[in-house]
Amino acid sequence: MNRIRVGDQVVVIRGVGKGRRGKVTRVLPERGLAIVEGVRRVKRHVRATPQRPGGILEVEAPVQLSKLMPIDPETGKPTRVKIKVENGKKVRVAKSGAVLPAAER
């Protein structure tokens, strides 16, 4: 079970974007990366195709999972996550004891 999932609200704890908050849009667990809305925006130069015009686009680049912490739904602060078994299912629990919500698809 992963500590960070798609749909989680997270905060950046290290690096240039330290303190920024956003929602996880994609997780790449095999590479240890996640894409977060509004964090680590980079410019991409794209060539024009018949479907879209060319130009310079701003997109989110991946951030290492180790630099992200989920936000506790009760306190609104960054929190560590532990895994508990409740009713035969694994759930993610914040330090305050609040269950982190499941991913919204």
Protein backbone atom coordinates (compact mmCIF):
# COMPACT_ATOMS: atom_id res chain seq x y z
CA MET A 1 0.00 0.00 0.00
CA ASN A 2 1.38 3.36 -1.02
CA ARG A 3 1.77 6.31 1.31
CA ILE A 4 0.66 8.77 -1.38
CA ARG A 5 -2.15 8.12 -3.85
CA VAL A 6 -3.85 9.93 -6.71
CA GLY A 7 -6.25 12.55 -5.35
CA ASP A 8 -4.33 13.21 -2.11
CA GLN A 9 -3.64 16.74 -0.95
CA VAL A 10 0.12 17.01 -0.35
CA VAL A 11 2.74 19.57 0.65
CA VAL A 12 6.32 19.79 -0.66
CA ILE A 13 8.76 19.47 2.27
CA ARG A 14 12.10 20.03 0.48
CA GLY A 15 13.52 21.80 -2.53
CA VAL A 16 12.60 24.89 -4.52
CA GLY A 17 8.84 24.35 -4.13
CA LYS A 18 9.02 23.91 -0.33
CA GLY A 19 5.71 24.75 1.32
CA ARG A 20 3.61 24.53 -1.83
CA ARG A 21 0.42 22.50 -1.63
CA GLY A 22 -1.44 20.68 -4.37
CA LYS A 23 -3.42 17.67 -5.44
CA VAL A 24 -1.68 14.55 -6.77
CA THR A 25 -2.81 13.90 -10.36
CA ARG A 26 -0.56 10.94 -11.17
CA VAL A 27 1.78 8.59 -9.29
CA LEU A 28 4.66 6.70 -10.90
CA PRO A 29 5.61 4.21 -8.14
CA GLU A 30 8.16 2.30 -10.22
CA ARG A 31 10.17 5.53 -10.58
CA GLY A 32 9.30 6.97 -7.15
CA LEU A 33 7.68 10.08 -8.64
CA ALA A 34 4.36 11.93 -8.51
CA ILE A 35 2.85 14.78 -10.50
CA VAL A 36 1.23 17.48 -8.35
CA GLU A 37 -1.01 20.32 -9.60
CA GLY A 38 0.70 23.69 -9.45
CA VAL A 39 4.06 22.35 -8.26
CA ARG A 40 7.25 22.24 -10.37
CA ARG A 41 5.83 23.84 -13.50
CA VAL A 42 8.19 23.72 -16.48
CA LYS A 43 7.97 25.02 -20.05
CA ARG A 44 7.80 22.57 -22.95
CA HIS A 45 8.36 23.63 -26.55
CA VAL A 46 5.98 21.66 -28.77
CA ARG A 47 5.89 21.44 -32.54
CA ALA A 48 2.59 22.11 -34.31
CA THR A 49 0.57 19.12 -35.48
CA PRO A 50 -2.73 18.95 -37.38
CA GLN A 51 -4.56 18.46 -34.03
CA ARG A 52 -2.99 21.37 -32.09
CA PRO A 53 -0.93 24.49 -32.65
CA GLY A 54 2.71 24.66 -31.63
CA GLY A 55 4.16 26.91 -28.98
CA ILE A 56 5.42 26.95 -25.43
CA LEU A 57 3.28 25.05 -22.90
CA GLU A 58 3.59 25.08 -19.10
CA VAL A 59 3.21 21.59 -17.65
CA GLU A 60 3.84 19.97 -14.28
CA ALA A 61 7.01 17.92 -14.01
CA PRO A 62 7.27 14.95 -11.62
CA VAL A 63 8.38 15.41 -7.99
CA GLN A 64 10.08 12.71 -5.92
CA LEU A 65 7.71 10.97 -3.50
CA SER A 66 10.24 11.44 -0.70
CA LYS A 67 9.78 15.22 -1.01
CA LEU A 68 6.00 15.05 -0.49
CA MET A 69 3.91 14.64 2.66
CA PRO A 70 0.15 14.10 2.78
CA ILE A 71 -1.96 16.72 4.58
CA ASP A 72 -3.87 15.59 7.67
CA PRO A 73 -7.61 16.12 7.00
CA GLU A 74 -8.25 17.16 10.63
CA THR A 75 -5.36 19.53 11.36
CA GLY A 76 -4.43 20.67 7.84
CA LYS A 77 -0.74 20.07 8.58
CA PRO A 78 1.73 17.66 6.92
CA THR A 79 1.60 14.23 8.51
CA ARG A 80 3.27 10.86 8.45
CA VAL A 81 1.19 7.90 7.41
CA LYS A 82 0.82 4.49 8.98
CA ILE A 83 -1.15 1.51 7.74
CA LYS A 84 -3.82 -0.08 9.95
CA VAL A 85 -6.18 -2.96 9.32
CA GLU A 86 -9.82 -2.05 9.96
CA ASN A 87 -12.64 -4.47 9.15
CA GLY A 88 -10.22 -6.67 7.22
CA LYS A 89 -9.07 -3.83 4.95
CA LYS A 90 -5.88 -1.81 5.03
CA VAL A 91 -6.40 1.93 5.58
CA ARG A 92 -3.98 4.84 5.75
CA VAL A 93 -4.04 6.66 9.08
CA ALA A 94 -2.56 10.09 9.89
CA LYS A 95 -0.70 10.85 13.12
CA SER A 96 -3.85 12.47 14.57
CA GLY A 97 -5.67 9.16 14.09
CA ALA A 98 -7.79 10.40 11.19
CA VAL A 99 -8.24 7.98 8.30
CA LEU A 100 -6.95 9.46 5.05
CA PRO A 101 -9.69 9.34 2.41
CA ALA A 102 -9.46 6.78 -0.37
CA ALA A 103 -8.48 7.95 -3.84
CA GLU A 104 -11.20 9.63 -5.89
CA ARG A 105 -11.37 8.26 -9.41
